[in-house]
């Protein structure tokens, strides 16, 4: 894995962890993509580039958590 791939995976993990934290604290419906982006220190566009939609992000968070 080169440096680019490593940074990409780290960023994806940071997004998943931020989303998980917020979902547990406030619930999936109450958390916006903007709040997840702020918590993960990335832009909303980055989240959509990685996950395409909030629904896909929720699915990935569940898989990540399990």
PDB file of N, CA and C in Angstrom:
ATOM      1  N   UNK A   1       0.850  -1.179   0.000  1.00  0.00           N
ATOM      2  CA  UNK A   1       0.000   0.000   0.000  1.00  0.00           C
ATOM      3  C   UNK A   1       0.892   1.237   0.000  1.00  0.00           C
ATOM      4  N   UNK A   2       0.698   2.101  -0.970  1.00  0.00           N
ATOM      5  CA  UNK A   2       1.506   3.311  -1.029  1.00  0.00           C
ATOM      6  C   UNK A   2       0.923   4.393  -0.114  1.00  0.00           C
ATOM      7  N   UNK A   3       1.603   5.526  -0.053  1.00  0.00           N
ATOM      8  CA  UNK A   3       1.197   6.598   0.847  1.00  0.00           C
ATOM      9  C   UNK A   3      -0.194   7.140   0.554  1.00  0.00           C
ATOM     10  N   UNK A   4      -0.537   7.276  -0.722  1.00  0.00           N
ATOM     11  CA  UNK A   4      -1.855   7.781  -1.099  1.00  0.00           C
ATOM     12  C   UNK A   4      -2.955   6.850  -0.600  1.00  0.00           C
ATOM     13  N   UNK A   5      -2.783   5.550  -0.848  1.00  0.00           N
ATOM     14  CA  UNK A   5      -3.792   4.579  -0.413  1.00  0.00           C
ATOM     15  C   UNK A   5      -3.911   4.556   1.108  1.00  0.00           C
ATOM     16  N   UNK A   6      -2.794   4.682   1.789  1.00  0.00           N
ATOM     17  CA  UNK A   6      -2.795   4.683   3.253  1.00  0.00           C
ATOM     18  C   UNK A   6      -3.562   5.897   3.797  1.00  0.00           C
ATOM     19  N   UNK A   7      -3.307   7.075   3.211  1.00  0.00           N
ATOM     20  CA  UNK A   7      -4.022   8.293   3.636  1.00  0.00           C
ATOM     21  C   UNK A   7      -5.511   8.186   3.336  1.00  0.00           C
ATOM     22  N   UNK A   8      -5.832   7.595   2.187  1.00  0.00           N
ATOM     23  CA  UNK A   8      -7.237   7.409   1.812  1.00  0.00           C
ATOM     24  C   UNK A   8      -7.953   6.502   2.810  1.00  0.00           C
ATOM     25  N   UNK A   9      -7.340   5.410   3.177  1.00  0.00           N
ATOM     26  CA  UNK A   9      -7.938   4.499   4.152  1.00  0.00           C
ATOM     27  C   UNK A   9      -8.054   5.148   5.530  1.00  0.00           C
ATOM     28  N   UNK A  10      -7.054   5.926   5.914  1.00  0.00           N
ATOM     29  CA  UNK A  10      -7.090   6.628   7.199  1.00  0.00           C
ATOM     30  C   UNK A  10      -8.234   7.637   7.225  1.00  0.00           C
ATOM     31  N   UNK A  11      -8.411   8.366   6.126  1.00  0.00           N
ATOM     32  CA  UNK A  11      -9.490   9.348   6.041  1.00  0.00           C
ATOM     33  C   UNK A  11     -10.849   8.650   6.108  1.00  0.00           C
ATOM     34  N   UNK A  12     -10.977   7.532   5.408  1.00  0.00           N
ATOM     35  CA  UNK A  12     -12.236   6.775   5.427  1.00  0.00           C
ATOM     36  C   UNK A  12     -12.533   6.275   6.839  1.00  0.00           C
ATOM     37  N   UNK A  13     -11.521   5.781   7.526  1.00  0.00           N
ATOM     38  CA  UNK A  13     -11.693   5.315   8.904  1.00  0.00           C
ATOM     39  C   UNK A  13     -12.087   6.463   9.824  1.00  0.00           C
ATOM     40  N   UNK A  14     -11.475   7.622   9.649  1.00  0.00           N
ATOM     41  CA  UNK A  14     -11.832   8.790  10.460  1.00  0.00           C
ATOM     42  C   UNK A  14     -13.294   9.179  10.254  1.00  0.00           C
ATOM     43  N   UNK A  15     -13.756   9.130   9.025  1.00  0.00           N
ATOM     44  CA  UNK A  15     -15.155   9.449   8.731  1.00  0.00           C
ATOM     45  C   UNK A  15     -16.078   8.430   9.393  1.00  0.00           C
ATOM     46  N   UNK A  16     -15.748   7.149   9.270  1.00  0.00           N
ATOM     47  CA  UNK A  16     -16.578   6.106   9.876  1.00  0.00           C
ATOM     48  C   UNK A  16     -16.646   6.250  11.395  1.00  0.00           C
ATOM     49  N   UNK A  17     -15.511   6.535  12.024  1.00  0.00           N
ATOM     50  CA  UNK A  17     -15.488   6.690  13.471  1.00  0.00           C
ATOM     51  C   UNK A  17     -16.260   7.923  13.924  1.00  0.00           C
ATOM     52  N   UNK A  18     -16.125   9.017  13.188  1.00  0.00           N
ATOM     53  CA  UNK A  18     -16.864  10.243  13.521  1.00  0.00           C
ATOM     54  C   UNK A  18     -18.363  10.000  13.376  1.00  0.00           C
ATOM     55  N   UNK A  19     -18.758   9.345  12.293  1.00  0.00           N
ATOM     56  CA  UNK A  19     -20.176   9.058  12.066  1.00  0.00           C
ATOM     57  C   UNK A  19     -20.715   8.141  13.159  1.00  0.00           C
ATOM     58  N   UNK A  20     -19.970   7.118  13.504  1.00  0.00           N
ATOM     59  CA  UNK A  20     -20.403   6.192  14.550  1.00  0.00           C
ATOM     60  C   UNK A  20     -20.605   6.920  15.870  1.00  0.00           C
ATOM     61  N   UNK A  21     -19.657   7.754  16.235  1.00  0.00           N
ATOM     62  CA  UNK A  21     -19.757   8.520  17.478  1.00  0.00           C
ATOM     63  C   UNK A  21     -21.018   9.384  17.497  1.00  0.00           C
ATOM     64  N   UNK A  22     -21.254  10.100  16.413  1.00  0.00           N
ATOM     65  CA  UNK A  22     -22.419  10.979  16.344  1.00  0.00           C
ATOM     66  C   UNK A  22     -23.731  10.196  16.277  1.00  0.00           C
ATOM     67  N   UNK A  23     -23.746   9.085  15.551  1.00  0.00           N
ATOM     68  CA  UNK A  23     -24.963   8.279  15.454  1.00  0.00           C
ATOM     69  C   UNK A  23     -25.339   7.702  16.816  1.00  0.00           C
ATOM     70  N   UNK A  24     -24.365   7.246  17.560  1.00  0.00           N
ATOM     71  CA  UNK A  24     -24.633   6.688  18.888  1.00  0.00           C
ATOM     72  C   UNK A  24     -25.137   7.785  19.829  1.00  0.00           C
ATOM     73  N   UNK A  25     -24.544   8.951  19.726  1.00  0.00           N
ATOM     74  CA  UNK A  25     -24.883  10.047  20.636  1.00  0.00           C
ATOM     75  C   UNK A  25     -26.239  10.680  20.315  1.00  0.00           C
ATOM     76  N   UNK A  26     -26.542  10.895  19.022  1.00  0.00           N
ATOM     77  CA  UNK A  26     -27.739  11.657  18.642  1.00  0.00           C
ATOM     78  C   UNK A  26     -28.761  10.870  17.825  1.00  0.00           C
ATOM     79  N   UNK A  27     -28.375   9.739  17.274  1.00  0.00           N
ATOM     80  CA  UNK A  27     -29.272   8.986  16.401  1.00  0.00           C
ATOM     81  C   UNK A  27     -29.014   9.328  14.941  1.00  0.00           C
ATOM     82  N   UNK A  28     -29.247   8.370  14.081  1.00  0.00           N
ATOM     83  CA  UNK A  28     -28.931   8.515  12.659  1.00  0.00           C
ATOM     84  C   UNK A  28     -29.731   9.654  12.029  1.00  0.00           C
ATOM     85  N   UNK A  29     -31.016   9.756  12.337  1.00  0.00           N
ATOM     86  CA  UNK A  29     -31.870  10.758  11.712  1.00  0.00           C
ATOM     87  C   UNK A  29     -31.495  12.191  12.069  1.00  0.00           C
ATOM     88  N   UNK A  30     -30.949  12.400  13.260  1.00  0.00           N
ATOM     89  CA  UNK A  30     -30.657  13.753  13.737  1.00  0.00           C
ATOM     90  C   UNK A  30     -29.293  14.273  13.292  1.00  0.00           C
ATOM     91  N   UNK A  31     -28.442  13.405  12.769  1.00  0.00           N
ATOM     92  CA  UNK A  31     -27.081  13.797  12.402  1.00  0.00           C
ATOM     93  C   UNK A  31     -27.022  14.095  10.908  1.00  0.00           C
ATOM     94  N   UNK A  32     -26.464  15.249  10.558  1.00  0.00           N
ATOM     95  CA  UNK A  32     -26.326  15.617   9.147  1.00  0.00           C
ATOM     96  C   UNK A  32     -24.923  15.267   8.638  1.00  0.00           C
ATOM     97  N   UNK A  33     -24.805  15.214   7.337  1.00  0.00           N
ATOM     98  CA  UNK A  33     -23.502  14.968   6.718  1.00  0.00           C
ATOM     99  C   UNK A  33     -22.539  16.099   7.077  1.00  0.00           C
ATOM    100  N   UNK A  34     -23.051  17.312   7.177  1.00  0.00           N
ATOM    101  CA  UNK A  34     -22.210  18.462   7.550  1.00  0.00           C
ATOM    102  C   UNK A  34     -21.611  18.269   8.939  1.00  0.00           C
ATOM    103  N   UNK A  35     -22.404  17.754   9.870  1.00  0.00           N
ATOM    104  CA  UNK A  35     -21.901  17.513  11.232  1.00  0.00           C
ATOM    105  C   UNK A  35     -20.841  16.419  11.240  1.00  0.00           C
ATOM    106  N   UNK A  36     -21.062  15.380  10.440  1.00  0.00           N
ATOM    107  CA  UNK A  36     -20.071  14.298  10.348  1.00  0.00           C
ATOM    108  C   UNK A  36     -18.779  14.847   9.747  1.00  0.00           C
ATOM    109  N   UNK A  37     -18.906  15.649   8.707  1.00  0.00           N
ATOM    110  CA  UNK A  37     -17.729  16.238   8.067  1.00  0.00           C
ATOM    111  C   UNK A  37     -16.945  17.090   9.057  1.00  0.00           C
ATOM    112  N   UNK A  38     -17.634  17.890   9.836  1.00  0.00           N
ATOM    113  CA  UNK A  38     -16.970  18.742  10.824  1.00  0.00           C
ATOM    114  C   UNK A  38     -16.242  17.900  11.866  1.00  0.00           C
ATOM    115  N   UNK A  39     -16.899  16.862  12.344  1.00  0.00           N
ATOM    116  CA  UNK A  39     -16.310  15.976  13.362  1.00  0.00           C
ATOM    117  C   UNK A  39     -15.070  15.252  12.816  1.00  0.00           C
ATOM    118  N   UNK A  40     -15.110  14.865  11.532  1.00  0.00           N
ATOM    119  CA  UNK A  40     -14.012  14.108  10.916  1.00  0.00           C
ATOM    120  C   UNK A  40     -12.947  15.020  10.300  1.00  0.00           C
ATOM    121  N   UNK A  41     -13.166  16.335  10.346  1.00  0.00           N
ATOM    122  CA  UNK A  41     -12.241  17.301   9.760  1.00  0.00           C
ATOM    123  C   UNK A  41     -12.032  17.085   8.262  1.00  0.00           C
ATOM    124  N   UNK A  42     -13.133  16.835   7.561  1.00  0.00           N
ATOM    125  CA  UNK A  42     -13.114  16.710   6.105  1.00  0.00           C
ATOM    126  C   UNK A  42     -14.275  17.533   5.542  1.00  0.00           C
ATOM    127  N   UNK A  43     -14.323  17.685   4.234  1.00  0.00           N
ATOM    128  CA  UNK A  43     -15.442  18.395   3.620  1.00  0.00           C
ATOM    129  C   UNK A  43     -16.593  17.425   3.365  1.00  0.00           C
ATOM    130  N   UNK A  44     -17.778  17.991   3.161  1.00  0.00           N
ATOM    131  CA  UNK A  44     -18.929  17.154   2.824  1.00  0.00           C
ATOM    132  C   UNK A  44     -18.701  16.433   1.500  1.00  0.00           C
ATOM    133  N   UNK A  45     -18.043  17.107   0.582  1.00  0.00           N
ATOM    134  CA  UNK A  45     -17.750  16.508  -0.725  1.00  0.00           C
ATOM    135  C   UNK A  45     -16.906  15.250  -0.558  1.00  0.00           C
ATOM    136  N   UNK A  46     -15.960  15.291   0.367  1.00  0.00           N
ATOM    137  CA  UNK A  46     -15.123  14.113   0.624  1.00  0.00           C
ATOM    138  C   UNK A  46     -15.977  12.939   1.074  1.00  0.00           C
ATOM    139  N   UNK A  47     -16.929  13.203   1.946  1.00  0.00           N
ATOM    140  CA  UNK A  47     -17.815  12.120   2.416  1.00  0.00           C
ATOM    141  C   UNK A  47     -18.600  11.541   1.243  1.00  0.00           C
ATOM    142  N   UNK A  48     -19.141  12.410   0.389  1.00  0.00           N
ATOM    143  CA  UNK A  48     -19.885  11.915  -0.769  1.00  0.00           C
ATOM    144  C   UNK A  48     -18.975  11.199  -1.767  1.00  0.00           C
ATOM    145  N   UNK A  49     -17.714  11.610  -1.876  1.00  0.00           N
ATOM    146  CA  UNK A  49     -16.772  10.896  -2.748  1.00  0.00           C
ATOM    147  C   UNK A  49     -16.507   9.481  -2.250  1.00  0.00           C
ATOM    148  N   UNK A  50     -16.447   9.316  -0.954  1.00  0.00           N
ATOM    149  CA  UNK A  50     -16.177   7.998  -0.371  1.00  0.00           C
ATOM    150  C   UNK A  50     -17.427   7.120  -0.304  1.00  0.00           C
ATOM    151  N   UNK A  51     -18.586   7.708   0.001  1.00  0.00           N
ATOM    152  CA  UNK A  51     -19.773   6.911   0.320  1.00  0.00           C
ATOM    153  C   UNK A  51     -20.992   7.166  -0.574  1.00  0.00           C
ATOM    154  N   UNK A  52     -20.977   8.169  -1.432  1.00  0.00           N
ATOM    155  CA  UNK A  52     -22.036   8.512  -2.381  1.00  0.00           C
ATOM    156  C   UNK A  52     -23.323   9.044  -1.741  1.00  0.00           C
ATOM    157  N   UNK A  53     -23.708   8.566  -0.557  1.00  0.00           N
ATOM    158  CA  UNK A  53     -24.919   9.060   0.094  1.00  0.00           C
ATOM    159  C   UNK A  53     -24.840   8.779   1.598  1.00  0.00           C
ATOM    160  N   UNK A  54     -25.716   9.426   2.331  1.00  0.00           N
ATOM    161  CA  UNK A  54     -25.767   9.192   3.784  1.00  0.00           C
ATOM    162  C   UNK A  54     -26.211   7.757   4.053  1.00  0.00           C
ATOM    163  N   UNK A  55     -27.127   7.235   3.238  1.00  0.00           N
ATOM    164  CA  UNK A  55     -27.585   5.854   3.427  1.00  0.00           C
ATOM    165  C   UNK A  55     -26.433   4.858   3.291  1.00  0.00           C
ATOM    166  N   UNK A  56     -25.585   5.062   2.288  1.00  0.00           N
ATOM    167  CA  UNK A  56     -24.419   4.194   2.131  1.00  0.00           C
ATOM    168  C   UNK A  56     -23.468   4.343   3.308  1.00  0.00           C
ATOM    169  N   UNK A  57     -23.309   5.563   3.794  1.00  0.00           N
ATOM    170  CA  UNK A  57     -22.455   5.802   4.952  1.00  0.00           C
ATOM    171  C   UNK A  57     -22.989   5.052   6.166  1.00  0.00           C
ATOM    172  N   UNK A  58     -24.298   5.113   6.390  1.00  0.00           N
ATOM    173  CA  UNK A  58     -24.902   4.405   7.520  1.00  0.00           C
ATOM    174  C   UNK A  58     -24.631   2.909   7.407  1.00  0.00           C
ATOM    175  N   UNK A  59     -24.797   2.349   6.215  1.00  0.00           N
ATOM    176  CA  UNK A  59     -24.524   0.924   5.999  1.00  0.00           C
ATOM    177  C   UNK A  59     -23.072   0.579   6.301  1.00  0.00           C
ATOM    178  N   UNK A  60     -22.160   1.417   5.818  1.00  0.00           N
ATOM    179  CA  UNK A  60     -20.731   1.190   6.059  1.00  0.00           C
ATOM    180  C   UNK A  60     -20.380   1.303   7.540  1.00  0.00           C
ATOM    181  N   UNK A  61     -21.025   2.228   8.240  1.00  0.00           N
ATOM    182  CA  UNK A  61     -20.784   2.377   9.677  1.00  0.00           C
ATOM    183  C   UNK A  61     -21.210   1.119  10.413  1.00  0.00           C
ATOM    184  N   UNK A  62     -22.350   0.569  10.035  1.00  0.00           N
ATOM    185  CA  UNK A  62     -22.830  -0.668  10.671  1.00  0.00           C
ATOM    186  C   UNK A  62     -21.840  -1.804  10.434  1.00  0.00           C
ATOM    187  N   UNK A  63     -21.394  -1.950   9.206  1.00  0.00           N
ATOM    188  CA  UNK A  63     -20.404  -2.999   8.881  1.00  0.00           C
ATOM    189  C   UNK A  63     -19.119  -2.760   9.653  1.00  0.00           C
ATOM    190  N   UNK A  64     -18.660  -1.518   9.707  1.00  0.00           N
ATOM    191  CA  UNK A  64     -17.444  -1.157  10.430  1.00  0.00           C
ATOM    192  C   UNK A  64     -17.581  -1.491  11.914  1.00  0.00           C
ATOM    193  N   UNK A  65     -18.731  -1.184  12.477  1.00  0.00           N
ATOM    194  CA  UNK A  65     -18.953  -1.403  13.911  1.00  0.00           C
ATOM    195  C   UNK A  65     -18.984  -2.887  14.240  1.00  0.00           C
ATOM    196  N   UNK A  66     -19.621  -3.663  13.390  1.00  0.00           N
ATOM    197  CA  UNK A  66     -19.744  -5.109  13.621  1.00  0.00           C
ATOM    198  C   UNK A  66     -18.417  -5.761  13.333  1.00  0.00           C
TER     199      UNK A  66
END
